[in-house]
PDB file of all heavy atoms in Angstrom:
ATOM      1  N   THR A   1      -7.321  -7.728  -7.289  1.00  0.00           N
ATOM      2  CA  THR A   1      -7.817  -6.791  -8.301  1.00  0.00           C
ATOM      3  C   THR A   1      -7.561  -7.313  -9.699  1.00  0.00           C
ATOM      4  O   THR A   1      -8.429  -7.256 -10.584  1.00  0.00           O
ATOM      5  CB  THR A   1      -7.129  -5.425  -8.126  1.00  0.00           C
ATOM      6  OG1 THR A   1      -7.348  -4.961  -6.803  1.00  0.00           O
ATOM      7  CG2 THR A   1      -7.676  -4.420  -9.117  1.00  0.00           C
ATOM      8  N   PHE A   2      -6.358  -7.826  -9.928  1.00  0.00           N
ATOM      9  CA  PHE A   2      -6.009  -8.346 -11.254  1.00  0.00           C
ATOM     10  C   PHE A   2      -6.926  -9.493 -11.657  1.00  0.00           C
ATOM     11  O   PHE A   2      -7.402  -9.574 -12.789  1.00  0.00           O
ATOM     12  CB  PHE A   2      -4.551  -8.803 -11.244  1.00  0.00           C
ATOM     13  CG  PHE A   2      -4.145  -9.577 -12.475  1.00  0.00           C
ATOM     14  CD1 PHE A   2      -4.235  -9.008 -13.728  1.00  0.00           C
ATOM     15  CD2 PHE A   2      -3.679 -10.879 -12.377  1.00  0.00           C
ATOM     16  CE1 PHE A   2      -3.864  -9.709 -14.863  1.00  0.00           C
ATOM     17  CE2 PHE A   2      -3.307 -11.589 -13.500  1.00  0.00           C
ATOM     18  CZ  PHE A   2      -3.402 -11.007 -14.743  1.00  0.00           C
ATOM     19  N   ILE A   3      -7.189 -10.400 -10.723  1.00  0.00           N
ATOM     20  CA  ILE A   3      -8.028 -11.560 -11.032  1.00  0.00           C
ATOM     21  C   ILE A   3      -9.457 -11.121 -11.331  1.00  0.00           C
ATOM     22  O   ILE A   3     -10.116 -11.647 -12.239  1.00  0.00           O
ATOM     23  CB  ILE A   3      -7.986 -12.560  -9.865  1.00  0.00           C
ATOM     24  CG1 ILE A   3      -6.545 -13.047  -9.668  1.00  0.00           C
ATOM     25  CG2 ILE A   3      -8.921 -13.733 -10.104  1.00  0.00           C
ATOM     26  CD1 ILE A   3      -6.359 -13.926  -8.462  1.00  0.00           C
ATOM     27  N   LEU A   4      -9.948 -10.150 -10.570  1.00  0.00           N
ATOM     28  CA  LEU A   4     -11.318  -9.677 -10.782  1.00  0.00           C
ATOM     29  C   LEU A   4     -11.491  -9.040 -12.152  1.00  0.00           C
ATOM     30  O   LEU A   4     -12.546  -9.156 -12.776  1.00  0.00           O
ATOM     31  CB  LEU A   4     -11.694  -8.661  -9.698  1.00  0.00           C
ATOM     32  CG  LEU A   4     -12.051  -9.230  -8.311  1.00  0.00           C
ATOM     33  CD1 LEU A   4     -12.153  -8.096  -7.307  1.00  0.00           C
ATOM     34  CD2 LEU A   4     -13.338 -10.018  -8.361  1.00  0.00           C
ATOM     35  N   GLU A   5     -10.436  -8.368 -12.654  1.00  0.00           N
ATOM     36  CA  GLU A   5     -10.567  -7.642 -13.918  1.00  0.00           C
ATOM     37  C   GLU A   5     -10.692  -8.574 -15.108  1.00  0.00           C
ATOM     38  O   GLU A   5     -11.419  -8.280 -16.054  1.00  0.00           O
ATOM     39  CB  GLU A   5      -9.360  -6.715 -14.101  1.00  0.00           C
ATOM     40  CG  GLU A   5      -9.388  -5.515 -13.162  1.00  0.00           C
ATOM     41  CD  GLU A   5      -8.167  -4.635 -13.332  1.00  0.00           C
ATOM     42  OE1 GLU A   5      -7.249  -5.043 -14.073  1.00  0.00           O
ATOM     43  OE2 GLU A   5      -8.125  -3.547 -12.728  1.00  0.00           O
ATOM     44  N   ASP A   6      -9.976  -9.678 -15.099  1.00  0.00           N
ATOM     45  CA  ASP A   6     -10.033 -10.604 -16.239  1.00  0.00           C
ATOM     46  C   ASP A   6      -9.663 -12.001 -15.755  1.00  0.00           C
ATOM     47  O   ASP A   6      -8.486 -12.342 -15.602  1.00  0.00           O
ATOM     48  CB  ASP A   6      -9.090 -10.149 -17.347  1.00  0.00           C
ATOM     49  CG  ASP A   6      -9.369 -10.854 -18.665  1.00  0.00           C
ATOM     50  OD1 ASP A   6      -9.630 -12.068 -18.635  1.00  0.00           O
ATOM     51  OD2 ASP A   6      -9.333 -10.192 -19.715  1.00  0.00           O
ATOM     52  N   PHE A   7     -10.683 -12.818 -15.506  1.00  0.00           N
ATOM     53  CA  PHE A   7     -10.476 -14.135 -14.907  1.00  0.00           C
ATOM     54  C   PHE A   7      -9.671 -15.041 -15.833  1.00  0.00           C
ATOM     55  O   PHE A   7      -8.726 -15.716 -15.406  1.00  0.00           O
ATOM     56  CB  PHE A   7     -11.842 -14.766 -14.607  1.00  0.00           C
ATOM     57  CG  PHE A   7     -11.791 -15.834 -13.551  1.00  0.00           C
ATOM     58  CD1 PHE A   7     -11.837 -15.500 -12.213  1.00  0.00           C
ATOM     59  CD2 PHE A   7     -11.683 -17.173 -13.902  1.00  0.00           C
ATOM     60  CE1 PHE A   7     -11.786 -16.486 -11.239  1.00  0.00           C
ATOM     61  CE2 PHE A   7     -11.632 -18.150 -12.936  1.00  0.00           C
ATOM     62  CZ  PHE A   7     -11.687 -17.807 -11.597  1.00  0.00           C
ATOM     63  N   GLU A   8     -10.019 -15.078 -17.128  1.00  0.00           N
ATOM     64  CA  GLU A   8      -9.353 -15.990 -18.059  1.00  0.00           C
ATOM     65  C   GLU A   8      -7.904 -15.589 -18.285  1.00  0.00           C
ATOM     66  O   GLU A   8      -6.999 -16.434 -18.297  1.00  0.00           O
ATOM     67  CB  GLU A   8     -10.112 -16.016 -19.387  1.00  0.00           C
ATOM     68  CG  GLU A   8     -11.488 -16.653 -19.293  1.00  0.00           C
ATOM     69  CD  GLU A   8     -12.181 -16.713 -20.647  1.00  0.00           C
ATOM     70  OE1 GLU A   8     -11.565 -16.282 -21.644  1.00  0.00           O
ATOM     71  OE2 GLU A   8     -13.335 -17.172 -20.698  1.00  0.00           O
ATOM     72  N   LEU A   9      -7.648 -14.285 -18.475  1.00  0.00           N
ATOM     73  CA  LEU A   9      -6.278 -13.831 -18.672  1.00  0.00           C
ATOM     74  C   LEU A   9      -5.440 -14.083 -17.424  1.00  0.00           C
ATOM     75  O   LEU A   9      -4.264 -14.449 -17.516  1.00  0.00           O
ATOM     76  CB  LEU A   9      -6.267 -12.338 -19.013  1.00  0.00           C
ATOM     77  CG  LEU A   9      -4.889 -11.714 -19.253  1.00  0.00           C
ATOM     78  CD1 LEU A   9      -4.205 -12.361 -20.455  1.00  0.00           C
ATOM     79  CD2 LEU A   9      -5.007 -10.209 -19.462  1.00  0.00           C
ATOM     80  N   SER A  10      -6.051 -13.914 -16.233  1.00  0.00           N
ATOM     81  CA  SER A  10      -5.336 -14.174 -14.988  1.00  0.00           C
ATOM     82  C   SER A  10      -4.865 -15.614 -14.938  1.00  0.00           C
ATOM     83  O   SER A  10      -3.712 -15.902 -14.599  1.00  0.00           O
ATOM     84  CB  SER A  10      -6.248 -13.882 -13.793  1.00  0.00           C
ATOM     85  OG  SER A  10      -6.738 -12.573 -13.843  1.00  0.00           O
ATOM     86  N   ALA A  11      -5.773 -16.550 -15.250  1.00  0.00           N
ATOM     87  CA  ALA A  11      -5.420 -17.969 -15.206  1.00  0.00           C
ATOM     88  C   ALA A  11      -4.282 -18.278 -16.166  1.00  0.00           C
ATOM     89  O   ALA A  11      -3.333 -19.009 -15.833  1.00  0.00           O
ATOM     90  CB  ALA A  11      -6.647 -18.813 -15.537  1.00  0.00           C
ATOM     91  N   GLU A  12      -4.347 -17.725 -17.365  1.00  0.00           N
ATOM     92  CA  GLU A  12      -3.313 -17.989 -18.374  1.00  0.00           C
ATOM     93  C   GLU A  12      -1.960 -17.430 -17.949  1.00  0.00           C
ATOM     94  O   GLU A  12      -0.927 -18.123 -18.029  1.00  0.00           O
ATOM     95  CB  GLU A  12      -3.740 -17.359 -19.698  1.00  0.00           C
ATOM     96  CG  GLU A  12      -2.730 -17.537 -20.819  1.00  0.00           C
ATOM     97  CD  GLU A  12      -3.129 -16.795 -22.092  1.00  0.00           C
ATOM     98  OE1 GLU A  12      -4.289 -16.328 -22.160  1.00  0.00           O
ATOM     99  OE2 GLU A  12      -2.284 -16.684 -23.000  1.00  0.00           O
ATOM    100  N   GLN A  13      -1.934 -16.178 -17.469  1.00  0.00           N
ATOM    101  CA  GLN A  13      -0.671 -15.545 -17.101  1.00  0.00           C
ATOM    102  C   GLN A  13      -0.055 -16.197 -15.864  1.00  0.00           C
ATOM    103  O   GLN A  13       1.152 -16.450 -15.821  1.00  0.00           O
ATOM    104  CB  GLN A  13      -0.889 -14.053 -16.847  1.00  0.00           C
ATOM    105  CG  GLN A  13      -1.245 -13.249 -18.082  1.00  0.00           C
ATOM    106  CD  GLN A  13      -0.074 -13.120 -19.043  1.00  0.00           C
ATOM    107  OE1 GLN A  13       0.205 -14.041 -19.805  1.00  0.00           O
ATOM    108  NE2 GLN A  13       0.611 -12.005 -18.988  1.00  0.00           N
ATOM    109  N   LEU A  14      -0.873 -16.484 -14.840  1.00  0.00           N
ATOM    110  CA  LEU A  14      -0.338 -17.088 -13.617  1.00  0.00           C
ATOM    111  C   LEU A  14       0.166 -18.504 -13.866  1.00  0.00           C
ATOM    112  O   LEU A  14       1.129 -18.948 -13.247  1.00  0.00           O
ATOM    113  CB  LEU A  14      -1.414 -17.086 -12.530  1.00  0.00           C
ATOM    114  CG  LEU A  14      -1.802 -15.693 -12.008  1.00  0.00           C
ATOM    115  CD1 LEU A  14      -2.914 -15.796 -10.988  1.00  0.00           C
ATOM    116  CD2 LEU A  14      -0.604 -14.986 -11.405  1.00  0.00           C
ATOM    117  N   LYS A  15      -0.475 -19.202 -14.777  1.00  0.00           N
ATOM    118  CA  LYS A  15      -0.006 -20.546 -15.124  1.00  0.00           C
ATOM    119  C   LYS A  15       1.382 -20.479 -15.760  1.00  0.00           C
ATOM    120  O   LYS A  15       2.265 -21.285 -15.443  1.00  0.00           O
ATOM    121  CB  LYS A  15      -0.999 -21.210 -16.080  1.00  0.00           C
ATOM    122  CG  LYS A  15      -0.624 -22.639 -16.470  1.00  0.00           C
ATOM    123  CD  LYS A  15      -1.651 -23.241 -17.408  1.00  0.00           C
ATOM    124  CE  LYS A  15      -1.255 -24.652 -17.828  1.00  0.00           C
ATOM    125  NZ  LYS A  15      -2.246 -25.239 -18.774  1.00  0.00           N
ATOM    126  N   LYS A  16       1.598 -19.514 -16.660  1.00  0.00           N
ATOM    127  CA  LYS A  16       2.913 -19.356 -17.288  1.00  0.00           C
ATOM    128  C   LYS A  16       3.980 -19.020 -16.247  1.00  0.00           C
ATOM    129  O   LYS A  16       5.090 -19.559 -16.282  1.00  0.00           O
ATOM    130  CB  LYS A  16       2.858 -18.245 -18.340  1.00  0.00           C
ATOM    131  CG  LYS A  16       2.073 -18.592 -19.591  1.00  0.00           C
ATOM    132  CD  LYS A  16       2.115 -17.416 -20.567  1.00  0.00           C
ATOM    133  CE  LYS A  16       1.320 -17.715 -21.832  1.00  0.00           C
ATOM    134  NZ  LYS A  16       1.340 -16.556 -22.773  1.00  0.00           N
ATOM    135  N   ILE A  17       3.647 -18.109 -15.312  1.00  0.00           N
ATOM    136  CA  ILE A  17       4.617 -17.717 -14.288  1.00  0.00           C
ATOM    137  C   ILE A  17       4.925 -18.892 -13.374  1.00  0.00           C
ATOM    138  O   ILE A  17       6.085 -19.126 -12.994  1.00  0.00           O
ATOM    139  CB  ILE A  17       4.090 -16.511 -13.493  1.00  0.00           C
ATOM    140  CG1 ILE A  17       3.966 -15.283 -14.415  1.00  0.00           C
ATOM    141  CG2 ILE A  17       4.990 -16.191 -12.313  1.00  0.00           C
ATOM    142  CD1 ILE A  17       3.325 -14.080 -13.769  1.00  0.00           C
ATOM    143  N   LYS A  18       3.881 -19.654 -13.009  1.00  0.00           N
ATOM    144  CA  LYS A  18       4.076 -20.791 -12.114  1.00  0.00           C
ATOM    145  C   LYS A  18       4.958 -21.854 -12.749  1.00  0.00           C
ATOM    146  O   LYS A  18       5.752 -22.527 -12.062  1.00  0.00           O
ATOM    147  CB  LYS A  18       2.709 -21.385 -11.735  1.00  0.00           C
ATOM    148  CG  LYS A  18       2.808 -22.578 -10.777  1.00  0.00           C
ATOM    149  CD  LYS A  18       3.495 -22.164  -9.480  1.00  0.00           C
ATOM    150  CE  LYS A  18       3.674 -23.348  -8.558  1.00  0.00           C
ATOM    151  NZ  LYS A  18       4.482 -22.996  -7.364  1.00  0.00           N
ATOM    152  N   GLN A  19       4.864 -22.029 -14.072  1.00  0.00           N
ATOM    153  CA  GLN A  19       5.679 -23.035 -14.755  1.00  0.00           C
ATOM    154  C   GLN A  19       7.171 -22.735 -14.653  1.00  0.00           C
ATOM    155  O   GLN A  19       7.999 -23.628 -14.811  1.00  0.00           O
ATOM    156  CB  GLN A  19       5.262 -23.113 -16.225  1.00  0.00           C
ATOM    157  CG  GLN A  19       3.915 -23.786 -16.444  1.00  0.00           C
ATOM    158  CD  GLN A  19       3.442 -23.708 -17.886  1.00  0.00           C
ATOM    159  OE1 GLN A  19       4.014 -22.974 -18.693  1.00  0.00           O
ATOM    160  NE2 GLN A  19       2.401 -24.456 -18.211  1.00  0.00           N
ATOM    161  N   ILE A  20       7.534 -21.475 -14.380  1.00  0.00           N
ATOM    162  CA  ILE A  20       8.938 -21.123 -14.215  1.00  0.00           C
ATOM    163  C   ILE A  20       9.499 -21.724 -12.931  1.00  0.00           C
ATOM    164  O   ILE A  20      10.687 -22.029 -12.841  1.00  0.00           O
ATOM    165  CB  ILE A  20       9.104 -19.586 -14.200  1.00  0.00           C
ATOM    166  CG1 ILE A  20       8.575 -18.984 -15.509  1.00  0.00           C
ATOM    167  CG2 ILE A  20      10.551 -19.180 -13.994  1.00  0.00           C
ATOM    168  CD1 ILE A  20       8.536 -17.476 -15.488  1.00  0.00           C
ATOM    169  N   GLY A  21       8.615 -21.903 -11.926  1.00  0.00           N
ATOM    170  CA  GLY A  21       9.048 -22.461 -10.649  1.00  0.00           C
ATOM    171  C   GLY A  21       9.069 -21.473  -9.514  1.00  0.00           C
ATOM    172  O   GLY A  21       9.452 -21.814  -8.394  1.00  0.00           O
ATOM    173  N   VAL A  22       8.667 -20.202  -9.785  1.00  0.00           N
ATOM    174  CA  VAL A  22       8.669 -19.201  -8.710  1.00  0.00           C
ATOM    175  C   VAL A  22       7.489 -19.449  -7.776  1.00  0.00           C
ATOM    176  O   VAL A  22       6.549 -20.186  -8.090  1.00  0.00           O
ATOM    177  CB  VAL A  22       8.588 -17.779  -9.292  1.00  0.00           C
ATOM    178  CG1 VAL A  22       9.755 -17.507 -10.208  1.00  0.00           C
ATOM    179  CG2 VAL A  22       7.280 -17.574 -10.036  1.00  0.00           C
ATOM    180  N   THR A  23       7.566 -18.819  -6.599  1.00  0.00           N
ATOM    181  CA  THR A  23       6.484 -18.924  -5.624  1.00  0.00           C
ATOM    182  C   THR A  23       5.425 -17.876  -5.949  1.00  0.00           C
ATOM    183  O   THR A  23       5.745 -16.710  -6.174  1.00  0.00           O
ATOM    184  CB  THR A  23       7.022 -18.695  -4.205  1.00  0.00           C
ATOM    185  OG1 THR A  23       8.033 -19.666  -3.930  1.00  0.00           O
ATOM    186  CG2 THR A  23       5.915 -18.820  -3.177  1.00  0.00           C
ATOM    187  N   LEU A  24       4.162 -18.304  -5.967  1.00  0.00           N
ATOM    188  CA  LEU A  24       3.047 -17.393  -6.222  1.00  0.00           C
ATOM    189  C   LEU A  24       2.288 -17.134  -4.932  1.00  0.00           C
ATOM    190  O   LEU A  24       1.883 -18.079  -4.237  1.00  0.00           O
ATOM    191  CB  LEU A  24       2.094 -17.966  -7.274  1.00  0.00           C
ATOM    192  CG  LEU A  24       2.474 -17.805  -8.744  1.00  0.00           C
ATOM    193  CD1 LEU A  24       1.407 -18.415  -9.628  1.00  0.00           C
ATOM    194  CD2 LEU A  24       2.669 -16.342  -9.103  1.00  0.00           C
TER     195      LEU A  24
END
């Protein structure tokens, strides 16, 4: 649902979270 609502914002936010090292 989150990805469908805003594709560009999803990519930006998930990239930041992934850089921390957590599992997505």
